[in-house]
Amino acid sequence: FCSPNGLTLASKMSKAFAKAFPDQR
């Protein structure tokens, strides 16, 4: 919760998944 770098990493991973799996929730 208090790691800005962890949040950025989560965001980058989420964007990669949205690109790779656009039909997944």
PDB file of all heavy atoms in Angstrom:
ATOM      1  N   PHE A   1       0.795  -1.232   0.000  1.00  0.00           N
ATOM      2  CA  PHE A   1       0.000   0.000   0.000  1.00  0.00           C
ATOM      3  C   PHE A   1       0.830   1.285   0.000  1.00  0.00           C
ATOM      4  O   PHE A   1       0.376   2.311  -0.501  1.00  0.00           O
ATOM      5  CB  PHE A   1      -0.987   0.002   1.172  1.00  0.00           C
ATOM      6  CG  PHE A   1      -0.358   0.320   2.504  1.00  0.00           C
ATOM      7  CD1 PHE A   1      -0.465   1.582   3.052  1.00  0.00           C
ATOM      8  CD2 PHE A   1       0.334  -0.660   3.206  1.00  0.00           C
ATOM      9  CE1 PHE A   1       0.101   1.870   4.284  1.00  0.00           C
ATOM     10  CE2 PHE A   1       0.906  -0.384   4.435  1.00  0.00           C
ATOM     11  CZ  PHE A   1       0.798   0.885   4.982  1.00  0.00           C
ATOM     12  N   CYS A   2       2.033   1.276   0.528  1.00  0.00           N
ATOM     13  CA  CYS A   2       2.817   2.511   0.599  1.00  0.00           C
ATOM     14  C   CYS A   2       4.081   2.445  -0.261  1.00  0.00           C
ATOM     15  O   CYS A   2       5.048   3.158  -0.002  1.00  0.00           O
ATOM     16  CB  CYS A   2       3.147   2.870   2.045  1.00  0.00           C
ATOM     17  SG  CYS A   2       4.172   1.652   2.882  1.00  0.00           S
ATOM     18  N   SER A   3       4.063   1.613  -1.291  1.00  0.00           N
ATOM     19  CA  SER A   3       5.197   1.499  -2.205  1.00  0.00           C
ATOM     20  C   SER A   3       4.837   2.096  -3.562  1.00  0.00           C
ATOM     21  O   SER A   3       4.145   1.454  -4.357  1.00  0.00           O
ATOM     22  CB  SER A   3       5.603   0.031  -2.385  1.00  0.00           C
ATOM     23  OG  SER A   3       6.554  -0.093  -3.418  1.00  0.00           O
ATOM     24  N   PRO A   4       5.295   3.328  -3.843  1.00  0.00           N
ATOM     25  CA  PRO A   4       5.006   3.920  -5.156  1.00  0.00           C
ATOM     26  C   PRO A   4       5.561   3.067  -6.305  1.00  0.00           C
ATOM     27  O   PRO A   4       4.912   2.934  -7.346  1.00  0.00           O
ATOM     28  CB  PRO A   4       5.687   5.284  -5.115  1.00  0.00           C
ATOM     29  CG  PRO A   4       5.989   5.563  -3.689  1.00  0.00           C
ATOM     30  CD  PRO A   4       6.046   4.238  -2.990  1.00  0.00           C
ATOM     31  N   ASN A   5       6.751   2.484  -6.110  1.00  0.00           N
ATOM     32  CA  ASN A   5       7.311   1.630  -7.155  1.00  0.00           C
ATOM     33  C   ASN A   5       6.510   0.348  -7.334  1.00  0.00           C
ATOM     34  O   ASN A   5       6.363  -0.151  -8.443  1.00  0.00           O
ATOM     35  CB  ASN A   5       8.776   1.300  -6.853  1.00  0.00           C
ATOM     36  CG  ASN A   5       9.703   2.451  -7.184  1.00  0.00           C
ATOM     37  OD1 ASN A   5       9.459   3.210  -8.109  1.00  0.00           O
ATOM     38  ND2 ASN A   5      10.763   2.582  -6.418  1.00  0.00           N
ATOM     39  N   GLY A   6       5.983  -0.185  -6.232  1.00  0.00           N
ATOM     40  CA  GLY A   6       5.122  -1.356  -6.326  1.00  0.00           C
ATOM     41  C   GLY A   6       3.834  -1.047  -7.070  1.00  0.00           C
ATOM     42  O   GLY A   6       3.364  -1.848  -7.885  1.00  0.00           O
ATOM     43  N   LEU A   7       3.266   0.115  -6.816  1.00  0.00           N
ATOM     44  CA  LEU A   7       2.062   0.542  -7.526  1.00  0.00           C
ATOM     45  C   LEU A   7       2.339   0.708  -9.013  1.00  0.00           C
ATOM     46  O   LEU A   7       1.551   0.273  -9.861  1.00  0.00           O
ATOM     47  CB  LEU A   7       1.530   1.854  -6.929  1.00  0.00           C
ATOM     48  CG  LEU A   7       0.344   2.495  -7.648  1.00  0.00           C
ATOM     49  CD1 LEU A   7      -0.854   1.576  -7.693  1.00  0.00           C
ATOM     50  CD2 LEU A   7      -0.006   3.825  -6.986  1.00  0.00           C
ATOM     51  N   THR A   8       3.468   1.313  -9.347  1.00  0.00           N
ATOM     52  CA  THR A   8       3.827   1.481 -10.758  1.00  0.00           C
ATOM     53  C   THR A   8       4.037   0.129 -11.424  1.00  0.00           C
ATOM     54  O   THR A   8       3.599  -0.085 -12.560  1.00  0.00           O
ATOM     55  CB  THR A   8       5.089   2.355 -10.893  1.00  0.00           C
ATOM     56  OG1 THR A   8       4.843   3.613 -10.267  1.00  0.00           O
ATOM     57  CG2 THR A   8       5.454   2.588 -12.351  1.00  0.00           C
ATOM     58  N   LEU A   9       4.695  -0.792 -10.724  1.00  0.00           N
ATOM     59  CA  LEU A   9       4.884  -2.143 -11.248  1.00  0.00           C
ATOM     60  C   LEU A   9       3.532  -2.817 -11.492  1.00  0.00           C
ATOM     61  O   LEU A   9       3.309  -3.411 -12.549  1.00  0.00           O
ATOM     62  CB  LEU A   9       5.739  -2.963 -10.280  1.00  0.00           C
ATOM     63  CG  LEU A   9       5.931  -4.437 -10.605  1.00  0.00           C
ATOM     64  CD1 LEU A   9       6.556  -4.637 -11.975  1.00  0.00           C
ATOM     65  CD2 LEU A   9       6.789  -5.098  -9.515  1.00  0.00           C
ATOM     66  N   ALA A  10       2.623  -2.702 -10.545  1.00  0.00           N
ATOM     67  CA  ALA A  10       1.283  -3.281 -10.703  1.00  0.00           C
ATOM     68  C   ALA A  10       0.572  -2.679 -11.908  1.00  0.00           C
ATOM     69  O   ALA A  10      -0.080  -3.388 -12.684  1.00  0.00           O
ATOM     70  CB  ALA A  10       0.464  -3.075  -9.430  1.00  0.00           C
ATOM     71  N   SER A  11       0.713  -1.380 -12.084  1.00  0.00           N
ATOM     72  CA  SER A  11       0.084  -0.692 -13.211  1.00  0.00           C
ATOM     73  C   SER A  11       0.661  -1.172 -14.544  1.00  0.00           C
ATOM     74  O   SER A  11      -0.082  -1.426 -15.497  1.00  0.00           O
ATOM     75  CB  SER A  11       0.274   0.815 -13.056  1.00  0.00           C
ATOM     76  OG  SER A  11      -0.290   1.488 -14.158  1.00  0.00           O
ATOM     77  N   LYS A  12       1.978  -1.303 -14.618  1.00  0.00           N
ATOM     78  CA  LYS A  12       2.621  -1.791 -15.850  1.00  0.00           C
ATOM     79  C   LYS A  12       2.177  -3.217 -16.158  1.00  0.00           C
ATOM     80  O   LYS A  12       1.933  -3.567 -17.320  1.00  0.00           O
ATOM     81  CB  LYS A  12       4.147  -1.736 -15.735  1.00  0.00           C
ATOM     82  CG  LYS A  12       4.722  -0.352 -15.562  1.00  0.00           C
ATOM     83  CD  LYS A  12       4.677   0.459 -16.813  1.00  0.00           C
ATOM     84  CE  LYS A  12       5.399   1.787 -16.612  1.00  0.00           C
ATOM     85  NZ  LYS A  12       5.208   2.693 -17.741  1.00  0.00           N
ATOM     86  N   MET A  13       2.069  -4.038 -15.127  1.00  0.00           N
ATOM     87  CA  MET A  13       1.645  -5.422 -15.329  1.00  0.00           C
ATOM     88  C   MET A  13       0.188  -5.462 -15.795  1.00  0.00           C
ATOM     89  O   MET A  13      -0.161  -6.209 -16.716  1.00  0.00           O
ATOM     90  CB  MET A  13       1.821  -6.235 -14.043  1.00  0.00           C
ATOM     91  CG  MET A  13       1.657  -7.721 -14.233  1.00  0.00           C
ATOM     92  SD  MET A  13       2.901  -8.505 -15.299  1.00  0.00           S
ATOM     93  CE  MET A  13       4.333  -8.478 -14.217  1.00  0.00           C
ATOM     94  N   SER A  14      -0.648  -4.648 -15.185  1.00  0.00           N
ATOM     95  CA  SER A  14      -2.055  -4.606 -15.570  1.00  0.00           C
ATOM     96  C   SER A  14      -2.216  -4.176 -17.030  1.00  0.00           C
ATOM     97  O   SER A  14      -3.027  -4.733 -17.768  1.00  0.00           O
ATOM     98  CB  SER A  14      -2.819  -3.663 -14.635  1.00  0.00           C
ATOM     99  OG  SER A  14      -4.192  -3.696 -14.930  1.00  0.00           O
ATOM    100  N   LYS A  15      -1.440  -3.197 -17.458  1.00  0.00           N
ATOM    101  CA  LYS A  15      -1.499  -2.738 -18.857  1.00  0.00           C
ATOM    102  C   LYS A  15      -1.033  -3.836 -19.810  1.00  0.00           C
ATOM    103  O   LYS A  15      -1.612  -4.009 -20.887  1.00  0.00           O
ATOM    104  CB  LYS A  15      -0.664  -1.475 -19.034  1.00  0.00           C
ATOM    105  CG  LYS A  15      -1.319  -0.256 -18.423  1.00  0.00           C
ATOM    106  CD  LYS A  15      -0.456   0.979 -18.540  1.00  0.00           C
ATOM    107  CE  LYS A  15      -1.140   2.138 -17.813  1.00  0.00           C
ATOM    108  NZ  LYS A  15      -0.302   3.322 -17.738  1.00  0.00           N
ATOM    109  N   ALA A  16      -0.001  -4.577 -19.427  1.00  0.00           N
ATOM    110  CA  ALA A  16       0.469  -5.684 -20.264  1.00  0.00           C
ATOM    111  C   ALA A  16      -0.616  -6.756 -20.392  1.00  0.00           C
ATOM    112  O   ALA A  16      -0.816  -7.323 -21.474  1.00  0.00           O
ATOM    113  CB  ALA A  16       1.758  -6.275 -19.692  1.00  0.00           C
ATOM    114  N   PHE A  17      -1.320  -7.026 -19.299  1.00  0.00           N
ATOM    115  CA  PHE A  17      -2.399  -8.019 -19.335  1.00  0.00           C
ATOM    116  C   PHE A  17      -3.582  -7.520 -20.151  1.00  0.00           C
ATOM    117  O   PHE A  17      -4.188  -8.292 -20.896  1.00  0.00           O
ATOM    118  CB  PHE A  17      -2.832  -8.398 -17.914  1.00  0.00           C
ATOM    119  CG  PHE A  17      -2.123  -9.607 -17.386  1.00  0.00           C
ATOM    120  CD1 PHE A  17      -0.762  -9.567 -17.123  1.00  0.00           C
ATOM    121  CD2 PHE A  17      -2.797 -10.784 -17.166  1.00  0.00           C
ATOM    122  CE1 PHE A  17      -0.091 -10.668 -16.649  1.00  0.00           C
ATOM    123  CE2 PHE A  17      -2.132 -11.908 -16.688  1.00  0.00           C
ATOM    124  CZ  PHE A  17      -0.773 -11.854 -16.437  1.00  0.00           C
ATOM    125  N   ALA A  18      -3.923  -6.249 -20.033  1.00  0.00           N
ATOM    126  CA  ALA A  18      -5.032  -5.691 -20.814  1.00  0.00           C
ATOM    127  C   ALA A  18      -4.735  -5.796 -22.310  1.00  0.00           C
ATOM    128  O   ALA A  18      -5.636  -6.075 -23.111  1.00  0.00           O
ATOM    129  CB  ALA A  18      -5.280  -4.242 -20.410  1.00  0.00           C
ATOM    130  N   LYS A  19      -3.482  -5.610 -22.663  1.00  0.00           N
ATOM    131  CA  LYS A  19      -3.059  -5.734 -24.066  1.00  0.00           C
ATOM    132  C   LYS A  19      -3.088  -7.195 -24.516  1.00  0.00           C
ATOM    133  O   LYS A  19      -3.587  -7.510 -25.596  1.00  0.00           O
ATOM    134  CB  LYS A  19      -1.649  -5.153 -24.211  1.00  0.00           C
ATOM    135  CG  LYS A  19      -1.073  -5.255 -25.595  1.00  0.00           C
ATOM    136  CD  LYS A  19       0.333  -4.658 -25.597  1.00  0.00           C
ATOM    137  CE  LYS A  19       1.099  -5.033 -26.846  1.00  0.00           C
ATOM    138  NZ  LYS A  19       2.492  -4.591 -26.771  1.00  0.00           N
ATOM    139  N   ALA A  20      -2.557  -8.090 -23.708  1.00  0.00           N
ATOM    140  CA  ALA A  20      -2.459  -9.504 -24.078  1.00  0.00           C
ATOM    141  C   ALA A  20      -3.799 -10.232 -23.999  1.00  0.00           C
ATOM    142  O   ALA A  20      -4.055 -11.151 -24.783  1.00  0.00           O
ATOM    143  CB  ALA A  20      -1.440 -10.210 -23.184  1.00  0.00           C
ATOM    144  N   PHE A  21      -4.642  -9.824 -23.050  1.00  0.00           N
ATOM    145  CA  PHE A  21      -5.903 -10.528 -22.793  1.00  0.00           C
ATOM    146  C   PHE A  21      -7.069  -9.542 -22.727  1.00  0.00           C
ATOM    147  O   PHE A  21      -7.698  -9.384 -21.680  1.00  0.00           O
ATOM    148  CB  PHE A  21      -5.795 -11.325 -21.486  1.00  0.00           C
ATOM    149  CG  PHE A  21      -4.606 -12.236 -21.427  1.00  0.00           C
ATOM    150  CD1 PHE A  21      -3.562 -11.986 -20.551  1.00  0.00           C
ATOM    151  CD2 PHE A  21      -4.515 -13.338 -22.263  1.00  0.00           C
ATOM    152  CE1 PHE A  21      -2.454 -12.817 -20.498  1.00  0.00           C
ATOM    153  CE2 PHE A  21      -3.418 -14.173 -22.225  1.00  0.00           C
ATOM    154  CZ  PHE A  21      -2.379 -13.913 -21.344  1.00  0.00           C
ATOM    155  N   PRO A  22      -7.377  -8.879 -23.850  1.00  0.00           N
ATOM    156  CA  PRO A  22      -8.399  -7.824 -23.822  1.00  0.00           C
ATOM    157  C   PRO A  22      -9.803  -8.314 -23.468  1.00  0.00           C
ATOM    158  O   PRO A  22     -10.634  -7.510 -23.030  1.00  0.00           O
ATOM    159  CB  PRO A  22      -8.352  -7.253 -25.242  1.00  0.00           C
ATOM    160  CG  PRO A  22      -7.778  -8.348 -26.079  1.00  0.00           C
ATOM    161  CD  PRO A  22      -6.820  -9.086 -25.183  1.00  0.00           C
ATOM    162  N   ASP A  23     -10.061  -9.588 -23.627  1.00  0.00           N
ATOM    163  CA  ASP A  23     -11.395 -10.118 -23.327  1.00  0.00           C
ATOM    164  C   ASP A  23     -11.545 -10.606 -21.895  1.00  0.00           C
ATOM    165  O   ASP A  23     -12.628 -11.030 -21.490  1.00  0.00           O
ATOM    166  CB  ASP A  23     -11.747 -11.249 -24.295  1.00  0.00           C
ATOM    167  CG  ASP A  23     -11.841 -10.752 -25.732  1.00  0.00           C
ATOM    168  OD1 ASP A  23     -12.189  -9.576 -25.938  1.00  0.00           O
ATOM    169  OD2 ASP A  23     -11.551 -11.549 -26.652  1.00  0.00           O
ATOM    170  N   GLN A  24     -10.459 -10.567 -21.118  1.00  0.00           N
ATOM    171  CA  GLN A  24     -10.509 -10.996 -19.720  1.00  0.00           C
ATOM    172  C   GLN A  24     -10.860  -9.808 -18.827  1.00  0.00           C
ATOM    173  O   GLN A  24     -10.495  -8.669 -19.119  1.00  0.00           O
ATOM    174  CB  GLN A  24      -9.169 -11.595 -19.291  1.00  0.00           C
ATOM    175  CG  GLN A  24      -8.755 -12.814 -20.093  1.00  0.00           C
ATOM    176  CD  GLN A  24      -9.729 -13.966 -19.951  1.00  0.00           C
ATOM    177  OE1 GLN A  24     -10.184 -14.276 -18.862  1.00  0.00           O
ATOM    178  NE2 GLN A  24     -10.063 -14.603 -21.066  1.00  0.00           N
ATOM    179  N   ARG A  25     -11.530 -10.078 -17.752  1.00  0.00           N
ATOM    180  CA  ARG A  25     -11.938  -9.024 -16.811  1.00  0.00           C
ATOM    181  C   ARG A  25     -10.740  -8.530 -15.997  1.00  0.00           C
ATOM    182  O   ARG A  25     -10.006  -9.321 -15.409  1.00  0.00           O
ATOM    183  CB  ARG A  25     -13.006  -9.567 -15.862  1.00  0.00           C
ATOM    184  CG  ARG A  25     -13.459  -8.543 -14.847  1.00  0.00           C
ATOM    185  CD  ARG A  25     -14.552  -9.079 -13.960  1.00  0.00           C
ATOM    186  NE  ARG A  25     -14.842  -8.101 -12.923  1.00  0.00           N
ATOM    187  CZ  ARG A  25     -15.201  -8.417 -11.701  1.00  0.00           C
ATOM    188  NH1 ARG A  25     -15.355  -9.675 -11.354  1.00  0.00           N
ATOM    189  NH2 ARG A  25     -15.442  -7.481 -10.818  1.00  0.00           N
TER     190      ARG A  25
END
